[in-house]
Amino acid sequence: MKLTGGYILTLTLLAVLATGCSQEVSRSDSRKSSESAESTTKSDLTMTDSTSETSQPAGKQKVTPPSASSEITVVELKAAIDRNEDFILLDVRTEEEFQEAHVEDTYALIPYEEVLGRLDELPADKEKYIYSFCRSGRRSGIVTLQLREAGYVHAYNVVGGLLAWGGAGFPLQRQ
């Protein structure tokens, strides 16, 4: 049986989704067991990344990794923006979608079907944190897998995409 690239990507995506779902159940169970410990603050749960010792651009803070999975929530993204962390915000929607509404701090707009052909537009540093998003999180989930396969070890999908961002009441730029 000959496996095509699309078939392998589909299997990989299914495996990641299955792993993410089981991790989410595990996180949900651990949240329930820790709800009684109200004294734990969010800052107590913040992870630090001791593996990346690259210098930060002036005015930028070191990134606080969102989690062990390949996803970040819009709340975590907003907090990272507010802390002025050093990361790339990659919009993988179309130009038309971008013109309708976008997050102000977007670094690059590269439609998801073009990302692999335009990796030269992303930082050469494969340790750089990249948060990709689209309208709902589906296309950016695919891009996150592609970026990780291309060696970007800190590529994360923004769960729920722009719909979740706007739904949380966070600001959108409109043209």
Protein backbone atom coordinates (compact mmCIF):
# COMPACT_ATOMS: atom_id res chain seq x y z
CA MET A 1 0.00 0.00 0.00
CA LYS A 2 1.50 3.32 -1.14
CA LEU A 3 0.92 6.25 1.23
CA THR A 4 0.55 9.74 -0.22
CA GLY A 5 1.57 12.94 1.53
CA GLY A 6 -2.06 13.97 2.02
CA TYR A 7 -2.91 10.61 3.55
CA ILE A 8 0.04 10.81 5.94
CA LEU A 9 -0.87 14.42 6.89
CA THR A 10 -4.45 13.31 7.56
CA LEU A 11 -3.27 10.46 9.79
CA THR A 12 -0.89 12.80 11.60
CA LEU A 13 -3.67 15.35 12.13
CA LEU A 14 -5.98 12.66 13.49
CA ALA A 15 -3.29 11.43 15.87
CA VAL A 16 -2.60 14.95 17.14
CA LEU A 17 -6.29 15.65 17.58
CA ALA A 18 -6.76 12.40 19.49
CA THR A 19 -3.78 13.21 21.69
CA GLY A 20 -5.05 16.76 22.24
CA CYS A 21 -8.48 15.45 23.22
CA SER A 22 -7.03 13.05 25.76
CA GLN A 23 -4.81 15.83 27.12
CA GLU A 24 -7.84 18.10 27.38
CA VAL A 25 -9.72 15.42 29.36
CA SER A 26 -6.68 15.03 31.60
CA ARG A 27 -6.44 18.81 32.09
CA SER A 28 -10.18 19.00 32.76
CA ASP A 29 -9.92 16.27 35.41
CA SER A 30 -6.97 17.99 37.04
CA ARG A 31 -8.85 21.33 37.01
CA LYS A 32 -11.79 19.73 38.80
CA SER A 33 -9.53 18.26 41.46
CA SER A 34 -7.77 21.57 42.00
CA GLU A 35 -10.86 23.79 42.08
CA SER A 36 -11.01 23.38 45.83
CA ALA A 37 -7.53 24.87 46.11
CA GLU A 38 -8.63 28.45 45.42
CA SER A 39 -5.40 29.87 46.77
CA THR A 40 -3.48 28.82 43.65
CA THR A 41 -3.06 31.81 41.36
CA LYS A 42 -2.56 31.84 37.62
CA SER A 43 0.97 33.12 38.11
CA ASP A 44 1.72 30.02 40.20
CA LEU A 45 0.78 27.90 37.19
CA THR A 46 2.80 29.86 34.62
CA MET A 47 5.52 27.78 33.05
CA THR A 48 8.90 29.18 32.16
CA ASP A 49 11.01 28.02 29.26
CA SER A 50 14.58 27.36 30.29
CA THR A 51 15.48 25.70 26.96
CA SER A 52 15.54 28.89 24.92
CA GLU A 53 18.30 31.28 25.87
CA THR A 54 18.07 33.55 22.81
CA SER A 55 18.29 37.29 23.31
CA GLN A 56 15.05 39.25 23.21
CA PRO A 57 14.48 42.33 21.05
CA ALA A 58 14.42 45.61 22.93
CA GLY A 59 11.16 46.08 24.77
CA LYS A 60 10.04 42.47 24.34
CA GLN A 61 9.58 40.01 27.19
CA LYS A 62 10.55 36.35 27.21
CA VAL A 63 7.64 34.13 26.15
CA THR A 64 5.76 32.17 28.76
CA PRO A 65 4.85 28.86 27.05
CA PRO A 66 1.08 28.40 26.94
CA SER A 67 1.03 24.67 27.66
CA ALA A 68 2.56 21.33 26.77
CA SER A 69 0.07 20.93 23.90
CA SER A 70 0.22 22.69 20.54
CA GLU A 71 -2.65 25.04 21.37
CA ILE A 72 -3.08 28.40 23.05
CA THR A 73 -6.35 30.02 24.11
CA VAL A 74 -7.34 33.54 23.16
CA VAL A 75 -7.09 34.51 26.83
CA GLU A 76 -3.48 33.25 26.93
CA LEU A 77 -2.72 35.05 23.65
CA LYS A 78 -4.20 38.33 24.92
CA ALA A 79 -2.12 38.01 28.09
CA ALA A 80 1.02 37.42 26.01
CA ILE A 81 0.24 40.52 23.92
CA ASP A 82 -0.39 42.57 27.06
CA ARG A 83 2.94 41.39 28.52
CA ASN A 84 4.64 42.43 25.26
CA GLU A 85 6.15 38.96 24.81
CA ASP A 86 8.40 38.22 21.85
CA PHE A 87 6.42 36.01 19.44
CA ILE A 88 5.05 35.91 15.92
CA LEU A 89 1.30 36.20 15.37
CA LEU A 90 0.53 34.53 12.05
CA ASP A 91 -2.85 35.05 10.38
CA VAL A 92 -3.48 32.21 7.90
CA ARG A 93 -6.74 33.54 6.48
CA THR A 94 -7.21 35.13 3.06
CA GLU A 95 -6.45 38.78 2.29
CA GLU A 96 -10.19 39.47 2.06
CA GLU A 97 -10.82 37.97 5.51
CA PHE A 98 -7.91 39.98 6.93
CA GLN A 99 -9.34 43.23 5.51
CA GLU A 100 -12.70 42.54 7.20
CA ALA A 101 -11.17 42.19 10.69
CA HIS A 102 -7.86 41.23 12.25
CA VAL A 103 -5.87 41.30 15.48
CA GLU A 104 -3.82 44.49 15.68
CA ASP A 105 -0.53 42.78 16.54
CA THR A 106 -0.51 40.43 13.53
CA TYR A 107 3.04 39.89 12.26
CA ALA A 108 2.26 38.22 8.96
CA LEU A 109 -0.64 37.27 6.72
CA ILE A 110 0.07 34.07 4.83
CA PRO A 111 -2.96 32.08 3.60
CA TYR A 112 -2.83 28.57 5.03
CA GLU A 113 -2.41 26.83 1.68
CA GLU A 114 0.69 28.98 1.00
CA VAL A 115 2.53 28.67 4.33
CA LEU A 116 4.90 25.84 3.37
CA GLY A 117 5.93 27.69 0.20
CA ARG A 118 6.54 30.92 2.10
CA LEU A 119 8.50 29.73 5.15
CA ASP A 120 11.24 32.20 4.18
CA GLU A 121 8.88 34.96 5.38
CA LEU A 122 8.99 33.52 8.89
CA PRO A 123 11.98 33.82 11.22
CA ALA A 124 14.87 31.49 10.48
CA ASP A 125 15.05 30.85 14.24
CA LYS A 126 13.09 27.61 14.67
CA GLU A 127 12.91 28.30 18.43
CA LYS A 128 10.77 31.40 17.87
CA TYR A 129 7.23 31.18 19.25
CA ILE A 130 4.62 31.30 16.49
CA TYR A 131 0.91 31.59 17.29
CA SER A 132 -1.17 30.95 14.19
CA PHE A 133 -4.86 31.68 13.87
CA CYS A 134 -7.66 31.78 11.33
CA ARG A 135 -11.41 32.32 11.58
CA SER A 136 -12.23 29.25 13.70
CA GLY A 137 -8.97 27.41 14.39
CA ARG A 138 -9.28 24.68 11.74
CA ARG A 139 -6.88 26.07 9.12
CA SER A 140 -4.45 27.33 11.75
CA GLY A 141 -4.47 23.86 13.32
CA ILE A 142 -3.26 22.45 10.00
CA VAL A 143 -0.62 25.17 9.73
CA THR A 144 0.56 24.47 13.28
CA LEU A 145 1.18 20.84 12.34
CA GLN A 146 2.99 21.90 9.16
CA LEU A 147 5.18 24.35 11.06
CA ARG A 148 6.09 21.74 13.64
CA GLU A 149 6.95 19.28 10.86
CA ALA A 150 9.13 22.03 9.35
CA GLY A 151 11.04 22.25 12.63
CA TYR A 152 9.32 25.14 14.41
CA VAL A 153 9.19 23.59 17.87
CA HIS A 154 7.12 26.38 19.43
CA ALA A 155 4.26 26.60 16.92
CA TYR A 156 0.84 26.91 18.54
CA ASN A 157 -2.73 27.03 17.23
CA VAL A 158 -5.01 29.74 18.65
CA VAL A 159 -8.06 27.70 19.68
CA GLY A 160 -11.30 29.07 18.24
CA GLY A 161 -9.48 31.61 16.09
CA LEU A 162 -10.87 35.06 15.42
CA LEU A 163 -14.37 33.94 16.39
CA ALA A 164 -13.16 33.14 19.92
CA TRP A 165 -11.08 36.34 20.02
CA GLY A 166 -14.07 38.50 19.15
CA GLY A 167 -16.36 36.40 21.34
CA ALA A 168 -14.11 37.13 24.32
CA GLY A 169 -14.59 40.84 23.66
CA PHE A 170 -10.97 41.45 22.60
CA PRO A 171 -10.34 44.29 20.12
CA LEU A 172 -10.39 43.75 16.37
CA GLN A 173 -9.01 46.07 13.75
CA ARG A 174 -11.45 46.75 10.91
CA GLN A 175 -10.70 48.50 7.64
